[in-house]
Amino acid sequence: MKTYRWRGPVQSLTITHEGKELELRLMPGREVELPAEHPMVQCWAGSGWLEEAQPPRRRKKEVNNA
């Protein structure tokens, strides 16, 4: 499973992955975990509706040498 950001229209659907049904509610700009190898996920990524979410940046601690 990978985390993606949805760029398509609002959708509600169910996909099957490893014998389990995954109910999805896709909203523009929201992140969702999806199986990267699923044909629908690959199609959405190819169409530009999905993009891989970037992991949050870690803030560097400021060192105060006063």
N, C-alpha and C. Protein backbone atom coordinates (compact mmCIF):
# COMPACT_ATOMS: atom_id res chain seq x y z
N MET A 1 0.85 -1.17 0.00
CA MET A 1 0.00 0.00 0.00
C MET A 1 0.90 1.24 0.00
N LYS A 2 0.47 2.22 -0.77
CA LYS A 2 1.17 3.50 -0.83
C LYS A 2 0.17 4.61 -0.54
N THR A 3 0.71 5.72 -0.11
CA THR A 3 -0.13 6.89 0.15
C THR A 3 -0.09 7.79 -1.08
N TYR A 4 -1.28 8.15 -1.54
CA TYR A 4 -1.44 9.01 -2.71
C TYR A 4 -2.31 10.21 -2.35
N ARG A 5 -2.19 11.25 -3.18
CA ARG A 5 -3.10 12.40 -3.08
C ARG A 5 -4.00 12.35 -4.31
N TRP A 6 -5.30 12.42 -4.08
CA TRP A 6 -6.30 12.32 -5.15
C TRP A 6 -6.48 13.68 -5.81
N ARG A 7 -6.40 13.73 -7.14
CA ARG A 7 -6.55 14.96 -7.92
C ARG A 7 -7.75 14.91 -8.86
N GLY A 8 -8.55 13.85 -8.75
CA GLY A 8 -9.70 13.69 -9.63
C GLY A 8 -10.97 14.22 -8.99
N PRO A 9 -12.10 13.92 -9.61
CA PRO A 9 -13.38 14.35 -9.06
C PRO A 9 -13.79 13.51 -7.85
N VAL A 10 -14.76 13.98 -7.11
CA VAL A 10 -15.28 13.23 -5.95
C VAL A 10 -15.83 11.90 -6.46
N GLN A 11 -15.42 10.80 -5.79
CA GLN A 11 -15.89 9.47 -6.17
C GLN A 11 -16.04 8.60 -4.93
N SER A 12 -17.00 7.71 -4.99
CA SER A 12 -17.15 6.65 -3.99
C SER A 12 -17.23 5.35 -4.75
N LEU A 13 -16.36 4.40 -4.41
CA LEU A 13 -16.34 3.13 -5.11
C LEU A 13 -15.69 2.07 -4.25
N THR A 14 -15.76 0.84 -4.71
CA THR A 14 -15.16 -0.29 -4.01
C THR A 14 -14.22 -1.01 -4.97
N ILE A 15 -13.00 -1.30 -4.51
CA ILE A 15 -12.08 -2.12 -5.29
C ILE A 15 -11.73 -3.35 -4.46
N THR A 16 -11.34 -4.42 -5.13
CA THR A 16 -10.95 -5.65 -4.44
C THR A 16 -9.44 -5.78 -4.49
N HIS A 17 -8.85 -6.04 -3.33
CA HIS A 17 -7.40 -6.20 -3.23
C HIS A 17 -7.12 -7.33 -2.25
N GLU A 18 -6.38 -8.34 -2.72
CA GLU A 18 -6.02 -9.51 -1.91
C GLU A 18 -7.26 -10.14 -1.27
N GLY A 19 -8.33 -10.24 -2.05
CA GLY A 19 -9.55 -10.89 -1.59
C GLY A 19 -10.41 -10.05 -0.66
N LYS A 20 -10.01 -8.82 -0.40
CA LYS A 20 -10.77 -7.94 0.48
C LYS A 20 -11.31 -6.76 -0.32
N GLU A 21 -12.51 -6.32 0.05
CA GLU A 21 -13.08 -5.16 -0.60
C GLU A 21 -12.66 -3.90 0.15
N LEU A 22 -12.17 -2.93 -0.60
CA LEU A 22 -11.78 -1.65 -0.02
C LEU A 22 -12.79 -0.60 -0.48
N GLU A 23 -13.51 -0.03 0.46
CA GLU A 23 -14.46 1.03 0.12
C GLU A 23 -13.71 2.35 0.14
N LEU A 24 -13.78 3.07 -0.95
CA LEU A 24 -13.04 4.32 -1.10
C LEU A 24 -13.98 5.50 -1.26
N ARG A 25 -13.64 6.58 -0.63
CA ARG A 25 -14.29 7.87 -0.84
C ARG A 25 -13.17 8.83 -1.21
N LEU A 26 -13.09 9.16 -2.46
CA LEU A 26 -12.00 9.97 -2.97
C LEU A 26 -12.45 11.42 -3.12
N MET A 27 -11.71 12.32 -2.49
CA MET A 27 -12.02 13.74 -2.48
C MET A 27 -10.79 14.50 -2.97
N PRO A 28 -10.96 15.50 -3.81
CA PRO A 28 -9.81 16.26 -4.32
C PRO A 28 -8.92 16.80 -3.19
N GLY A 29 -7.62 16.56 -3.33
CA GLY A 29 -6.64 17.06 -2.37
C GLY A 29 -6.43 16.18 -1.15
N ARG A 30 -7.25 15.16 -0.97
CA ARG A 30 -7.12 14.28 0.20
C ARG A 30 -6.15 13.14 -0.08
N GLU A 31 -5.50 12.68 0.98
CA GLU A 31 -4.60 11.54 0.87
C GLU A 31 -5.36 10.25 1.15
N VAL A 32 -4.94 9.19 0.45
CA VAL A 32 -5.59 7.89 0.60
C VAL A 32 -4.53 6.81 0.40
N GLU A 33 -4.64 5.71 1.16
CA GLU A 33 -3.74 4.57 0.98
C GLU A 33 -4.37 3.60 0.01
N LEU A 34 -3.61 3.26 -1.03
CA LEU A 34 -4.10 2.37 -2.08
C LEU A 34 -3.03 1.36 -2.46
N PRO A 35 -3.44 0.19 -2.96
CA PRO A 35 -2.47 -0.80 -3.43
C PRO A 35 -1.88 -0.37 -4.78
N ALA A 36 -0.58 -0.08 -4.80
CA ALA A 36 0.08 0.45 -5.99
C ALA A 36 -0.04 -0.47 -7.20
N GLU A 37 -0.16 -1.79 -6.97
CA GLU A 37 -0.18 -2.74 -8.09
C GLU A 37 -1.58 -2.94 -8.67
N HIS A 38 -2.60 -2.36 -8.06
CA HIS A 38 -3.97 -2.53 -8.55
C HIS A 38 -4.14 -1.82 -9.90
N PRO A 39 -4.76 -2.47 -10.89
CA PRO A 39 -4.91 -1.86 -12.22
C PRO A 39 -5.61 -0.50 -12.21
N MET A 40 -6.62 -0.32 -11.36
CA MET A 40 -7.31 0.97 -11.32
C MET A 40 -6.39 2.06 -10.76
N VAL A 41 -5.60 1.72 -9.77
CA VAL A 41 -4.67 2.68 -9.18
C VAL A 41 -3.64 3.10 -10.23
N GLN A 42 -3.15 2.13 -11.00
CA GLN A 42 -2.18 2.44 -12.05
C GLN A 42 -2.81 3.32 -13.13
N CYS A 43 -4.06 3.06 -13.45
CA CYS A 43 -4.78 3.86 -14.45
C CYS A 43 -4.95 5.30 -13.94
N TRP A 44 -5.38 5.44 -12.70
CA TRP A 44 -5.57 6.78 -12.13
C TRP A 44 -4.25 7.54 -12.06
N ALA A 45 -3.18 6.85 -11.68
CA ALA A 45 -1.87 7.51 -11.62
C ALA A 45 -1.43 7.94 -13.01
N GLY A 46 -1.66 7.09 -14.01
CA GLY A 46 -1.30 7.42 -15.38
C GLY A 46 -2.09 8.59 -15.94
N SER A 47 -3.32 8.74 -15.46
CA SER A 47 -4.17 9.83 -15.95
C SER A 47 -3.90 11.15 -15.21
N GLY A 48 -3.09 11.08 -14.15
CA GLY A 48 -2.78 12.28 -13.38
C GLY A 48 -3.74 12.54 -12.24
N TRP A 49 -4.70 11.65 -12.03
CA TRP A 49 -5.66 11.84 -10.94
C TRP A 49 -5.07 11.47 -9.59
N LEU A 50 -4.02 10.66 -9.59
CA LEU A 50 -3.33 10.29 -8.35
C LEU A 50 -1.88 10.72 -8.45
N GLU A 51 -1.35 11.21 -7.33
CA GLU A 51 0.09 11.46 -7.26
C GLU A 51 0.57 10.92 -5.93
N GLU A 52 1.79 10.41 -5.91
CA GLU A 52 2.33 9.88 -4.66
C GLU A 52 2.47 11.01 -3.67
N ALA A 53 2.00 10.79 -2.46
CA ALA A 53 2.10 11.79 -1.41
C ALA A 53 3.54 11.80 -0.90
N GLN A 54 4.04 12.97 -0.66
CA GLN A 54 5.39 13.11 -0.12
C GLN A 54 5.33 12.96 1.40
N PRO A 55 6.30 12.25 1.95
CA PRO A 55 6.31 12.13 3.42
C PRO A 55 6.50 13.51 4.04
N PRO A 56 5.96 13.74 5.22
CA PRO A 56 6.12 15.04 5.86
C PRO A 56 7.58 15.36 6.10
N ARG A 57 7.93 16.60 5.89
CA ARG A 57 9.32 17.02 6.11
C ARG A 57 9.59 17.12 7.60
N ARG A 58 10.77 16.69 7.96
CA ARG A 58 11.17 16.79 9.37
C ARG A 58 11.83 18.14 9.57
N ARG A 59 11.42 18.82 10.60
CA ARG A 59 12.01 20.11 10.90
C ARG A 59 13.32 19.88 11.65
N LYS A 60 14.31 20.66 11.27
CA LYS A 60 15.58 20.58 11.99
C LYS A 60 15.46 21.38 13.27
N LYS A 61 16.04 20.82 14.31
CA LYS A 61 16.06 21.55 15.57
C LYS A 61 17.11 22.65 15.47
N GLU A 62 16.71 23.83 15.92
CA GLU A 62 17.67 24.92 15.95
C GLU A 62 18.53 24.78 17.19
N VAL A 63 19.80 24.99 17.00
CA VAL A 63 20.74 24.91 18.12
C VAL A 63 21.11 26.33 18.50
N ASN A 64 20.88 26.66 19.73
CA ASN A 64 21.18 27.99 20.21
C ASN A 64 22.49 27.92 21.01
N ASN A 65 23.55 28.43 20.44
CA ASN A 65 24.84 28.39 21.10
C ASN A 65 25.12 29.70 21.84
N ALA A 66 24.18 30.18 22.56
CA ALA A 66 24.36 31.46 23.27
C ALA A 66 24.98 31.26 24.61
